[in-house]
Amino acid sequence: MSYIYNPIYTHFKGNKITRAELMERTTIETILKSKMPDAERSWSKVFELKHSSSVAQIGRILAQKRGLQVDLGAVICTMHDISVFVSGRVTDHAHKGAPIAAKMLRKTKRFSDQEIKLISGAIYNHSDKQIISKNPYYELVKDADVFDCGLYDGVHDAYVYEKAPKTCRAYFQRVKRVRKELGLPKDPKWDSIEYEEQGKGFHEKTH
């Protein structure tokens, strides 16, 4: 008796993929197809690929822990920076990304109007890390986004340099809460808004 192995895990090939996988693949393809070189982009394409993918996976984990719908969490997280991926520019990317995402989602015909409103709303608000929303999906993407960024070397000091102290503290509080939620050890650098990774002279040298 012959047996043909037909795995349900598609490795993102073909059309028999879930709607979350479809939007992940579409997001990655958007980055790969962009002709704008890194020299003109706010971020590198490598970072865009890494960040979109890892925030989606972190979103899946947090959605499970928080009792949220995992596929919606993954879609929000993978598409949260879609404006950057399309334009190469980071300016006002959260607000600009919401209608881009809504158009892409409607095109698939696999999301309801209510779901599209939720996803695009979460993308629109995801940069407001200092605001605690009552919507758990809005909070999910904010947490997944800042937690992922916090795993990279030098990001602590970059936040200290780029953001006002109040905003910086809000970012760091999110990192600390997610680390605790995931059972990770305490990292004392997130208690401080002083330069920890590049030396306290970094700020003076760049002015």
N, C-alpha and C. Protein backbone atom coordinates (compact mmCIF):
# COMPACT_ATOMS: atom_id res chain seq x y z
N MET A 1 0.85 -1.20 0.00
CA MET A 1 0.00 0.00 0.00
C MET A 1 0.88 1.24 0.00
N SER A 2 0.71 2.05 -0.99
CA SER A 2 1.51 3.27 -1.07
C SER A 2 0.90 4.36 -0.18
N TYR A 3 1.77 5.22 0.31
CA TYR A 3 1.32 6.31 1.17
C TYR A 3 1.96 7.62 0.71
N ILE A 4 1.14 8.58 0.42
CA ILE A 4 1.63 9.88 -0.01
C ILE A 4 1.57 10.83 1.17
N TYR A 5 2.72 11.34 1.57
CA TYR A 5 2.79 12.27 2.70
C TYR A 5 2.35 13.65 2.25
N ASN A 6 1.31 14.16 2.83
CA ASN A 6 0.77 15.46 2.48
C ASN A 6 0.68 16.30 3.76
N PRO A 7 1.77 16.92 4.17
CA PRO A 7 1.78 17.61 5.45
C PRO A 7 0.87 18.83 5.44
N ILE A 8 0.29 19.12 6.60
CA ILE A 8 -0.54 20.32 6.71
C ILE A 8 0.33 21.54 6.96
N TYR A 9 1.59 21.32 7.36
CA TYR A 9 2.51 22.43 7.53
C TYR A 9 3.12 22.75 6.17
N THR A 10 2.78 23.89 5.62
CA THR A 10 3.06 24.18 4.21
C THR A 10 4.41 24.86 3.96
N HIS A 11 5.08 25.31 5.01
CA HIS A 11 6.28 26.14 4.83
C HIS A 11 5.97 27.36 3.95
N PHE A 12 4.73 27.82 4.05
CA PHE A 12 4.27 29.02 3.34
C PHE A 12 4.24 28.83 1.82
N LYS A 13 4.21 27.60 1.34
CA LYS A 13 4.11 27.34 -0.09
C LYS A 13 2.65 27.18 -0.49
N GLY A 14 2.35 27.58 -1.71
CA GLY A 14 1.04 27.32 -2.28
C GLY A 14 -0.07 28.17 -1.69
N ASN A 15 -1.30 27.76 -1.96
CA ASN A 15 -2.48 28.54 -1.56
C ASN A 15 -3.20 27.96 -0.35
N LYS A 16 -2.81 26.77 0.08
CA LYS A 16 -3.50 26.15 1.22
C LYS A 16 -2.83 26.55 2.53
N ILE A 17 -2.82 27.84 2.77
CA ILE A 17 -2.23 28.37 3.99
C ILE A 17 -3.29 29.12 4.78
N THR A 18 -3.06 29.27 6.04
CA THR A 18 -4.02 29.98 6.88
C THR A 18 -4.00 31.47 6.53
N ARG A 19 -4.99 32.17 7.00
CA ARG A 19 -5.04 33.60 6.69
C ARG A 19 -3.94 34.37 7.40
N ALA A 20 -3.54 33.91 8.57
CA ALA A 20 -2.40 34.55 9.24
C ALA A 20 -1.13 34.33 8.44
N GLU A 21 -0.92 33.10 7.96
CA GLU A 21 0.25 32.81 7.14
C GLU A 21 0.23 33.62 5.85
N LEU A 22 -0.96 33.79 5.29
CA LEU A 22 -1.09 34.58 4.07
C LEU A 22 -0.60 36.01 4.28
N MET A 23 -1.00 36.60 5.40
CA MET A 23 -0.60 37.99 5.65
C MET A 23 0.87 38.08 6.04
N GLU A 24 1.38 37.06 6.70
CA GLU A 24 2.82 37.03 6.98
C GLU A 24 3.61 36.95 5.68
N ARG A 25 3.19 36.07 4.79
CA ARG A 25 3.89 35.93 3.51
C ARG A 25 3.78 37.21 2.69
N THR A 26 2.59 37.81 2.67
CA THR A 26 2.39 39.05 1.93
C THR A 26 3.27 40.17 2.48
N THR A 27 3.39 40.23 3.80
CA THR A 27 4.22 41.26 4.42
C THR A 27 5.69 41.07 4.05
N ILE A 28 6.16 39.83 4.13
CA ILE A 28 7.55 39.54 3.78
C ILE A 28 7.81 39.85 2.31
N GLU A 29 6.87 39.48 1.44
CA GLU A 29 7.03 39.74 0.01
C GLU A 29 7.05 41.24 -0.27
N THR A 30 6.29 42.00 0.50
CA THR A 30 6.30 43.46 0.35
C THR A 30 7.68 44.02 0.60
N ILE A 31 8.33 43.52 1.64
CA ILE A 31 9.70 43.98 1.96
C ILE A 31 10.67 43.55 0.86
N LEU A 32 10.60 42.28 0.47
CA LEU A 32 11.54 41.75 -0.51
C LEU A 32 11.41 42.44 -1.87
N LYS A 33 10.20 42.83 -2.23
CA LYS A 33 9.97 43.43 -3.55
C LYS A 33 10.34 44.91 -3.61
N SER A 34 10.54 45.52 -2.46
CA SER A 34 10.86 46.95 -2.46
C SER A 34 12.18 47.21 -3.17
N LYS A 35 12.21 48.22 -4.02
CA LYS A 35 13.41 48.58 -4.77
C LYS A 35 14.24 49.65 -4.05
N MET A 36 13.71 50.20 -2.96
CA MET A 36 14.43 51.25 -2.26
C MET A 36 15.62 50.65 -1.52
N PRO A 37 16.83 51.14 -1.76
CA PRO A 37 18.02 50.59 -1.09
C PRO A 37 18.07 50.98 0.37
N ASP A 38 18.84 50.24 1.14
CA ASP A 38 18.97 50.51 2.57
C ASP A 38 19.45 51.92 2.85
N ALA A 39 20.29 52.45 1.99
CA ALA A 39 20.83 53.79 2.21
C ALA A 39 19.74 54.85 2.26
N GLU A 40 18.60 54.56 1.64
CA GLU A 40 17.49 55.51 1.61
C GLU A 40 16.38 55.14 2.59
N ARG A 41 16.48 53.98 3.23
CA ARG A 41 15.45 53.51 4.13
C ARG A 41 15.74 53.97 5.56
N SER A 42 14.67 54.11 6.34
CA SER A 42 14.86 54.42 7.76
C SER A 42 15.54 53.26 8.47
N TRP A 43 15.17 52.04 8.10
CA TRP A 43 15.76 50.83 8.66
C TRP A 43 16.35 50.02 7.49
N SER A 44 17.07 48.96 7.81
CA SER A 44 17.52 48.06 6.76
C SER A 44 16.43 47.04 6.46
N LYS A 45 16.46 46.49 5.26
CA LYS A 45 15.48 45.46 4.91
C LYS A 45 15.68 44.22 5.76
N VAL A 46 16.91 43.93 6.14
CA VAL A 46 17.17 42.78 7.02
C VAL A 46 16.44 42.97 8.35
N PHE A 47 16.55 44.17 8.92
CA PHE A 47 15.85 44.41 10.18
C PHE A 47 14.34 44.32 9.99
N GLU A 48 13.83 44.87 8.91
CA GLU A 48 12.39 44.80 8.65
C GLU A 48 11.91 43.35 8.59
N LEU A 49 12.67 42.50 7.92
CA LEU A 49 12.31 41.09 7.82
C LEU A 49 12.35 40.41 9.18
N LYS A 50 13.42 40.69 9.92
CA LYS A 50 13.57 40.07 11.25
C LYS A 50 12.49 40.57 12.20
N HIS A 51 12.26 41.86 12.21
CA HIS A 51 11.34 42.45 13.18
C HIS A 51 9.90 42.02 12.92
N SER A 52 9.48 42.06 11.67
CA SER A 52 8.12 41.64 11.35
C SER A 52 7.87 40.19 11.77
N SER A 53 8.84 39.33 11.46
CA SER A 53 8.68 37.90 11.76
C SER A 53 8.72 37.62 13.24
N SER A 54 9.65 38.23 13.95
CA SER A 54 9.78 37.92 15.37
C SER A 54 8.66 38.54 16.19
N VAL A 55 8.18 39.73 15.82
CA VAL A 55 7.05 40.31 16.53
C VAL A 55 5.80 39.45 16.33
N ALA A 56 5.64 38.88 15.14
CA ALA A 56 4.50 37.98 14.91
C ALA A 56 4.56 36.77 15.83
N GLN A 57 5.74 36.19 15.99
CA GLN A 57 5.87 35.02 16.85
C GLN A 57 5.69 35.38 18.33
N ILE A 58 6.24 36.51 18.74
CA ILE A 58 6.02 36.97 20.11
C ILE A 58 4.53 37.24 20.33
N GLY A 59 3.89 37.81 19.31
CA GLY A 59 2.46 38.05 19.41
C GLY A 59 1.67 36.77 19.59
N ARG A 60 2.06 35.71 18.89
CA ARG A 60 1.40 34.42 19.07
C ARG A 60 1.54 33.92 20.51
N ILE A 61 2.73 34.05 21.05
CA ILE A 61 2.97 33.58 22.42
C ILE A 61 2.15 34.39 23.42
N LEU A 62 2.19 35.70 23.31
CA LEU A 62 1.45 36.53 24.25
C LEU A 62 -0.06 36.36 24.09
N ALA A 63 -0.52 36.18 22.86
CA ALA A 63 -1.96 35.96 22.64
C ALA A 63 -2.42 34.69 23.35
N GLN A 64 -1.61 33.64 23.28
CA GLN A 64 -1.97 32.41 23.98
C GLN A 64 -2.02 32.62 25.49
N LYS A 65 -1.03 33.32 26.02
CA LYS A 65 -0.99 33.55 27.46
C LYS A 65 -2.15 34.42 27.92
N ARG A 66 -2.60 35.31 27.06
CA ARG A 66 -3.64 36.26 27.44
C ARG A 66 -5.04 35.84 27.01
N GLY A 67 -5.15 34.67 26.40
CA GLY A 67 -6.47 34.17 26.00
C GLY A 67 -7.08 34.93 24.83
N LEU A 68 -6.24 35.44 23.94
CA LEU A 68 -6.72 36.18 22.78
C LEU A 68 -6.69 35.28 21.55
N GLN A 69 -7.34 35.75 20.49
CA GLN A 69 -7.37 34.99 19.24
C GLN A 69 -5.99 35.07 18.59
N VAL A 70 -5.33 33.93 18.47
CA VAL A 70 -3.93 33.90 18.09
C VAL A 70 -3.71 34.40 16.67
N ASP A 71 -4.57 34.02 15.74
CA ASP A 71 -4.31 34.43 14.36
C ASP A 71 -4.47 35.93 14.18
N LEU A 72 -5.42 36.54 14.88
CA LEU A 72 -5.56 37.99 14.79
C LEU A 72 -4.36 38.69 15.41
N GLY A 73 -3.88 38.17 16.53
CA GLY A 73 -2.69 38.73 17.15
C GLY A 73 -1.50 38.65 16.22
N ALA A 74 -1.34 37.53 15.54
CA ALA A 74 -0.21 37.35 14.62
C ALA A 74 -0.30 38.30 13.44
N VAL A 75 -1.50 38.48 12.89
CA VAL A 75 -1.68 39.38 11.75
C VAL A 75 -1.37 40.82 12.14
N ILE A 76 -1.90 41.25 13.27
CA ILE A 76 -1.61 42.61 13.75
C ILE A 76 -0.12 42.81 13.90
N CYS A 77 0.53 41.86 14.52
CA CYS A 77 1.95 42.00 14.82
C CYS A 77 2.81 41.96 13.56
N THR A 78 2.50 41.09 12.64
CA THR A 78 3.33 41.00 11.43
C THR A 78 3.17 42.23 10.55
N MET A 79 2.00 42.89 10.61
CA MET A 79 1.73 44.02 9.74
C MET A 79 1.88 45.37 10.43
N HIS A 80 2.30 45.40 11.68
CA HIS A 80 2.23 46.66 12.43
C HIS A 80 3.08 47.77 11.82
N ASP A 81 4.17 47.43 11.14
CA ASP A 81 5.04 48.43 10.50
C ASP A 81 4.89 48.43 8.98
N ILE A 82 3.73 48.07 8.49
CA ILE A 82 3.54 47.88 7.05
C ILE A 82 3.85 49.16 6.27
N SER A 83 3.59 50.33 6.85
CA SER A 83 3.90 51.57 6.15
C SER A 83 5.40 51.72 5.92
N VAL A 84 6.20 51.31 6.89
CA VAL A 84 7.66 51.35 6.73
C VAL A 84 8.08 50.41 5.62
N PHE A 85 7.48 49.23 5.59
CA PHE A 85 7.86 48.24 4.59
C PHE A 85 7.50 48.70 3.18
N VAL A 86 6.41 49.44 3.05
CA VAL A 86 5.97 49.93 1.73
C VAL A 86 6.77 51.15 1.31
N SER A 87 6.96 52.09 2.23
CA SER A 87 7.56 53.38 1.88
C SER A 87 9.04 53.50 2.20
N GLY A 88 9.53 52.65 3.11
CA GLY A 88 10.91 52.77 3.56
C GLY A 88 11.10 53.84 4.61
N ARG A 89 10.03 54.54 4.98
CA ARG A 89 10.12 55.67 5.90
C ARG A 89 9.37 55.38 7.19
N VAL A 90 9.93 55.85 8.30
CA VAL A 90 9.35 55.57 9.60
C VAL A 90 8.42 56.67 10.10
N THR A 91 8.47 57.85 9.50
CA THR A 91 7.69 58.99 9.98
C THR A 91 6.19 58.70 9.98
N ASP A 92 5.57 58.84 11.16
CA ASP A 92 4.12 58.65 11.32
C ASP A 92 3.65 57.31 10.75
N HIS A 93 4.49 56.29 10.88
CA HIS A 93 4.20 55.03 10.19
C HIS A 93 3.01 54.28 10.75
N ALA A 94 2.71 54.47 12.04
CA ALA A 94 1.56 53.77 12.62
C ALA A 94 0.27 54.26 11.98
N HIS A 95 0.08 55.57 11.94
CA HIS A 95 -1.14 56.13 11.36
C HIS A 95 -1.23 55.85 9.87
N LYS A 96 -0.12 55.96 9.17
CA LYS A 96 -0.11 55.72 7.73
C LYS A 96 -0.32 54.24 7.40
N GLY A 97 0.07 53.36 8.32
CA GLY A 97 -0.02 51.93 8.05
C GLY A 97 -1.41 51.37 8.12
N ALA A 98 -2.29 52.00 8.92
CA ALA A 98 -3.64 51.45 9.12
C ALA A 98 -4.41 51.31 7.81
N PRO A 99 -4.52 52.35 6.97
CA PRO A 99 -5.27 52.16 5.72
C PRO A 99 -4.59 51.22 4.73
N ILE A 100 -3.26 51.18 4.77
CA ILE A 100 -2.54 50.24 3.90
C ILE A 100 -2.91 48.80 4.29
N ALA A 101 -2.88 48.53 5.58
CA ALA A 101 -3.23 47.19 6.06
C ALA A 101 -4.67 46.84 5.74
N ALA A 102 -5.57 47.79 5.95
CA ALA A 102 -6.99 47.53 5.69
C ALA A 102 -7.22 47.16 4.22
N LYS A 103 -6.55 47.86 3.32
CA LYS A 103 -6.68 47.56 1.88
C LYS A 103 -6.16 46.17 1.57
N MET A 104 -5.02 45.81 2.14
CA MET A 104 -4.44 44.49 1.90
C MET A 104 -5.33 43.39 2.46
N LEU A 105 -5.92 43.61 3.62
CA LEU A 105 -6.78 42.61 4.25
C LEU A 105 -8.06 42.42 3.46
N ARG A 106 -8.67 43.52 3.02
CA ARG A 106 -9.90 43.41 2.23
C ARG A 106 -9.67 42.63 0.94
N LYS A 107 -8.53 42.82 0.35
CA LYS A 107 -8.21 42.14 -0.91
C LYS A 107 -8.24 40.63 -0.77
N THR A 108 -7.91 40.10 0.39
CA THR A 108 -7.88 38.65 0.58
C THR A 108 -9.26 38.03 0.69
N LYS A 109 -10.25 38.83 1.10
CA LYS A 109 -11.62 38.35 1.33
C LYS A 109 -11.68 37.28 2.43
N ARG A 110 -10.72 37.32 3.34
CA ARG A 110 -10.68 36.31 4.40
C ARG A 110 -10.84 36.92 5.80
N PHE A 111 -11.17 38.21 5.83
CA PHE A 111 -11.36 38.90 7.10
C PHE A 111 -12.67 39.68 7.06
N SER A 112 -13.39 39.64 8.17
CA SER A 112 -14.64 40.39 8.26
C SER A 112 -14.34 41.87 8.44
N ASP A 113 -15.34 42.71 8.21
CA ASP A 113 -15.18 44.15 8.41
C ASP A 113 -14.78 44.46 9.85
N GLN A 114 -15.36 43.72 10.78
CA GLN A 114 -15.04 43.93 12.19
C GLN A 114 -13.58 43.58 12.48
N GLU A 115 -13.11 42.50 11.90
CA GLU A 115 -11.72 42.10 12.10
C GLU A 115 -10.76 43.11 11.47
N ILE A 116 -11.11 43.59 10.29
CA ILE A 116 -10.26 44.58 9.62
C ILE A 116 -10.19 45.86 10.46
N LYS A 117 -11.31 46.25 11.03
CA LYS A 117 -11.33 47.44 11.89
C LYS A 117 -10.44 47.24 13.11
N LEU A 118 -10.49 46.06 13.70
CA LEU A 118 -9.66 45.77 14.87
C LEU A 118 -8.17 45.78 14.50
N ILE A 119 -7.82 45.10 13.42
CA ILE A 119 -6.41 45.01 13.02
C ILE A 119 -5.86 46.38 12.65
N SER A 120 -6.59 47.11 11.83
CA SER A 120 -6.10 48.42 11.42
C SER A 120 -6.06 49.39 12.59
N GLY A 121 -7.00 49.26 13.52
CA GLY A 121 -6.98 50.11 14.72
C GLY A 121 -5.78 49.84 15.59
N ALA A 122 -5.42 48.58 15.74
CA ALA A 122 -4.25 48.22 16.53
C ALA A 122 -2.98 48.75 15.89
N ILE A 123 -2.90 48.66 14.55
CA ILE A 123 -1.74 49.19 13.83
C ILE A 123 -1.68 50.71 13.99
N TYR A 124 -2.81 51.38 13.87
CA TYR A 124 -2.87 52.84 13.97
C TYR A 124 -2.34 53.33 15.32
N ASN A 125 -2.64 52.58 16.37
CA ASN A 125 -2.30 53.01 17.73
C ASN A 125 -1.01 52.41 18.30
N HIS A 126 -0.30 51.59 17.53
CA HIS A 126 0.76 50.80 18.15
C HIS A 126 1.97 51.62 18.60
N SER A 127 2.14 52.82 18.05
CA SER A 127 3.29 53.63 18.46
C SER A 127 3.04 54.37 19.78
N ASP A 128 1.81 54.38 20.24
CA ASP A 128 1.47 55.09 21.47
C ASP A 128 1.75 54.20 22.68
N LYS A 129 3.02 53.87 22.88
CA LYS A 129 3.39 52.95 23.95
C LYS A 129 3.11 53.52 25.34
N GLN A 130 3.05 54.85 25.44
CA GLN A 130 2.82 55.48 26.73
C GLN A 130 1.34 55.47 27.14
N ILE A 131 0.47 55.04 26.22
CA ILE A 131 -0.97 54.98 26.49
C ILE A 131 -1.38 53.54 26.75
N ILE A 132 -2.07 53.30 27.85
CA ILE A 132 -2.60 51.97 28.16
C ILE A 132 -4.02 51.90 27.64
N SER A 133 -4.22 51.06 26.65
CA SER A 133 -5.53 50.93 26.03
C SER A 133 -6.37 49.86 26.73
N LYS A 134 -7.69 50.00 26.62
CA LYS A 134 -8.59 48.97 27.14
C LYS A 134 -8.73 47.82 26.15
N ASN A 135 -8.24 48.01 24.94
CA ASN A 135 -8.33 46.96 23.93
C ASN A 135 -7.12 46.04 24.05
N PRO A 136 -7.33 44.77 24.36
CA PRO A 136 -6.19 43.87 24.60
C PRO A 136 -5.33 43.63 23.37
N TYR A 137 -5.90 43.75 22.18
CA TYR A 137 -5.10 43.56 20.97
C TYR A 137 -4.20 44.77 20.71
N TYR A 138 -4.66 45.95 21.08
CA TYR A 138 -3.81 47.13 20.97
C TYR A 138 -2.61 46.98 21.90
N GLU A 139 -2.87 46.49 23.10
CA GLU A 139 -1.79 46.30 24.07
C GLU A 139 -0.86 45.17 23.64
N LEU A 140 -1.42 44.16 23.01
CA LEU A 140 -0.61 43.02 22.56
C LEU A 140 0.49 43.47 21.61
N VAL A 141 0.13 44.24 20.59
CA VAL A 141 1.13 44.63 19.59
C VAL A 141 2.12 45.63 20.17
N LYS A 142 1.67 46.51 21.05
CA LYS A 142 2.61 47.44 21.70
C LYS A 142 3.65 46.66 22.49
N ASP A 143 3.18 45.67 23.24
CA ASP A 143 4.09 44.87 24.08
C ASP A 143 5.03 44.02 23.24
N ALA A 144 4.48 43.36 22.22
CA ALA A 144 5.31 42.50 21.37
C ALA A 144 6.36 43.32 20.63
N ASP A 145 5.98 44.50 20.17
CA ASP A 145 6.87 45.37 19.43
C ASP A 145 8.05 45.82 20.29
N VAL A 146 7.76 46.39 21.44
CA VAL A 146 8.84 46.93 22.27
C VAL A 146 9.67 45.82 22.90
N PHE A 147 9.04 44.69 23.20
CA PHE A 147 9.80 43.57 23.76
C PHE A 147 10.79 43.04 22.73
N ASP A 148 10.34 42.88 21.48
CA ASP A 148 11.25 42.40 20.44
C ASP A 148 12.42 43.36 20.25
N CYS A 149 12.12 44.65 20.14
CA CYS A 149 13.20 45.63 19.97
C CYS A 149 14.17 45.57 21.13
N GLY A 150 13.65 45.35 22.33
CA GLY A 150 14.49 45.30 23.52
C GLY A 150 15.44 44.12 23.57
N LEU A 151 15.27 43.16 22.69
CA LEU A 151 16.17 42.01 22.64
C LEU A 151 17.44 42.30 21.85
N TYR A 152 17.46 43.43 21.13
CA TYR A 152 18.63 43.78 20.33
C TYR A 152 19.63 44.58 21.16
N ASP A 153 20.90 44.37 20.89
CA ASP A 153 21.95 45.13 21.56
C ASP A 153 21.82 46.62 21.24
N GLY A 154 22.00 47.45 22.26
CA GLY A 154 22.03 48.88 22.05
C GLY A 154 20.69 49.58 22.04
N VAL A 155 19.58 48.83 22.05
CA VAL A 155 18.26 49.46 21.95
C VAL A 155 17.92 50.25 23.21
N HIS A 156 18.33 49.73 24.38
CA HIS A 156 18.08 50.47 25.62
C HIS A 156 18.60 51.91 25.48
N ASP A 157 19.85 52.05 25.08
CA ASP A 157 20.45 53.38 24.99
C ASP A 157 19.86 54.19 23.84
N ALA A 158 19.46 53.51 22.77
CA ALA A 158 18.82 54.21 21.65
C ALA A 158 17.51 54.84 22.11
N TYR A 159 16.74 54.12 22.91
CA TYR A 159 15.50 54.68 23.45
C TYR A 159 15.78 55.86 24.38
N VAL A 160 16.81 55.74 25.21
CA VAL A 160 17.19 56.84 26.10
C VAL A 160 17.53 58.08 25.29
N TYR A 161 18.23 57.87 24.20
CA TYR A 161 18.67 58.99 23.35
C TYR A 161 17.50 59.60 22.57
N GLU A 162 16.60 58.76 22.05
CA GLU A 162 15.58 59.22 21.11
C GLU A 162 14.33 59.77 21.78
N LYS A 163 13.99 59.26 22.96
CA LYS A 163 12.67 59.53 23.52
C LYS A 163 12.74 60.39 24.78
N ALA A 164 11.67 61.14 25.00
CA ALA A 164 11.55 61.92 26.22
C ALA A 164 11.53 60.97 27.42
N PRO A 165 12.02 61.42 28.58
CA PRO A 165 12.09 60.53 29.74
C PRO A 165 10.77 59.84 30.09
N LYS A 166 9.66 60.55 30.04
CA LYS A 166 8.37 59.94 30.38
C LYS A 166 8.02 58.82 29.41
N THR A 167 8.23 59.07 28.12
CA THR A 167 7.96 58.05 27.10
C THR A 167 8.91 56.87 27.25
N CYS A 168 10.17 57.18 27.50
CA CYS A 168 11.18 56.13 27.67
C CYS A 168 10.80 55.20 28.82
N ARG A 169 10.36 55.79 29.93
CA ARG A 169 9.94 54.97 31.07
C ARG A 169 8.77 54.08 30.71
N ALA A 170 7.84 54.59 29.91
CA ALA A 170 6.69 53.79 29.48
C ALA A 170 7.13 52.59 28.65
N TYR A 171 8.09 52.81 27.76
CA TYR A 171 8.64 51.71 26.97
C TYR A 171 9.29 50.67 27.88
N PHE A 172 10.09 51.16 28.81
CA PHE A 172 10.83 50.24 29.68
C PHE A 172 9.89 49.46 30.59
N GLN A 173 8.81 50.10 31.04
CA GLN A 173 7.84 49.39 31.86
C GLN A 173 7.20 48.25 31.08
N ARG A 174 6.95 48.48 29.81
CA ARG A 174 6.38 47.40 28.98
C ARG A 174 7.36 46.24 28.86
N VAL A 175 8.62 46.56 28.62
CA VAL A 175 9.63 45.50 28.52
C VAL A 175 9.67 44.69 29.82
N LYS A 176 9.67 45.37 30.93
CA LYS A 176 9.74 44.70 32.23
C LYS A 176 8.52 43.83 32.48
N ARG A 177 7.34 44.34 32.12
CA ARG A 177 6.11 43.56 32.34
C ARG A 177 6.09 42.30 31.49
N VAL A 178 6.52 42.42 30.23
CA VAL A 178 6.51 41.24 29.36
C VAL A 178 7.55 40.23 29.82
N ARG A 179 8.71 40.70 30.22
CA ARG A 179 9.73 39.78 30.73
C ARG A 179 9.19 38.99 31.93
N LYS A 180 8.51 39.68 32.81
CA LYS A 180 7.93 39.02 33.98
C LYS A 180 6.83 38.04 33.56
N GLU A 181 6.00 38.46 32.60
CA GLU A 181 4.91 37.61 32.10
C GLU A 181 5.46 36.31 31.51
N LEU A 182 6.61 36.40 30.86
CA LEU A 182 7.20 35.24 30.20
C LEU A 182 8.14 34.46 31.12
N GLY A 183 8.28 34.92 32.35
CA GLY A 183 9.12 34.20 33.30
C GLY A 183 10.60 34.37 33.07
N LEU A 184 11.00 35.48 32.45
CA LEU A 184 12.41 35.74 32.19
C LEU A 184 13.07 36.41 33.39
N PRO A 185 14.37 36.25 33.54
CA PRO A 185 15.05 36.86 34.68
C PRO A 185 15.04 38.38 34.59
N LYS A 186 15.13 39.03 35.71
CA LYS A 186 15.15 40.48 35.77
C LYS A 186 16.41 41.01 35.10
N ASP A 187 16.26 42.02 34.29
CA ASP A 187 17.38 42.68 33.64
C ASP A 187 17.42 44.11 34.17
N PRO A 188 18.38 44.44 35.03
CA PRO A 188 18.36 45.73 35.73
C PRO A 188 18.47 46.95 34.83
N LYS A 189 18.94 46.79 33.60
CA LYS A 189 19.09 47.99 32.76
C LYS A 189 17.75 48.65 32.46
N TRP A 190 16.66 47.87 32.50
CA TRP A 190 15.35 48.44 32.20
C TRP A 190 14.78 49.25 33.36
N ASP A 191 15.49 49.27 34.47
CA ASP A 191 15.09 50.12 35.60
C ASP A 191 15.63 51.53 35.46
N SER A 192 16.54 51.75 34.52
CA SER A 192 17.25 53.01 34.44
C SER A 192 17.05 53.68 33.08
N ILE A 193 16.88 55.00 33.08
CA ILE A 193 16.85 55.74 31.82
C ILE A 193 18.17 56.49 31.62
N GLU A 194 19.20 55.97 32.22
CA GLU A 194 20.56 56.45 31.95
C GLU A 194 21.20 55.50 30.94
N TYR A 195 22.24 55.97 30.27
CA TYR A 195 22.93 55.11 29.31
C TYR A 195 23.59 53.95 30.03
N GLU A 196 23.32 52.75 29.57
CA GLU A 196 23.82 51.54 30.21
C GLU A 196 24.71 50.72 29.29
N GLU A 197 24.47 50.79 27.99
CA GLU A 197 25.12 49.88 27.04
C GLU A 197 26.28 50.54 26.30
N GLN A 198 26.22 51.83 26.09
CA GLN A 198 27.25 52.49 25.28
C GLN A 198 28.04 53.52 26.09
N GLY A 199 27.80 53.60 27.36
CA GLY A 199 28.54 54.54 28.19
C GLY A 199 27.81 55.86 28.33
N LYS A 200 27.95 56.48 29.47
CA LYS A 200 27.22 57.72 29.73
C LYS A 200 27.74 58.89 28.93
N GLY A 201 28.89 58.74 28.26
CA GLY A 201 29.39 59.81 27.41
C GLY A 201 28.79 59.82 26.03
N PHE A 202 27.95 58.83 25.72
CA PHE A 202 27.39 58.71 24.37
C PHE A 202 26.59 59.95 24.00
N HIS A 203 25.76 60.43 24.92
CA HIS A 203 24.89 61.57 24.64
C HIS A 203 25.72 62.81 24.31
N GLU A 204 26.77 63.06 25.09
CA GLU A 204 27.59 64.25 24.84
C GLU A 204 28.31 64.16 23.51
N LYS A 205 28.77 62.97 23.13
CA LYS A 205 29.53 62.80 21.91
C LYS A 205 28.70 63.01 20.65
N THR A 206 27.39 62.84 20.77
CA THR A 206 26.53 62.95 19.59
C THR A 206 25.87 64.32 19.50
N HIS A 207 26.27 65.25 20.34
CA HIS A 207 25.73 66.61 20.28
C HIS A 207 26.84 67.62 20.05
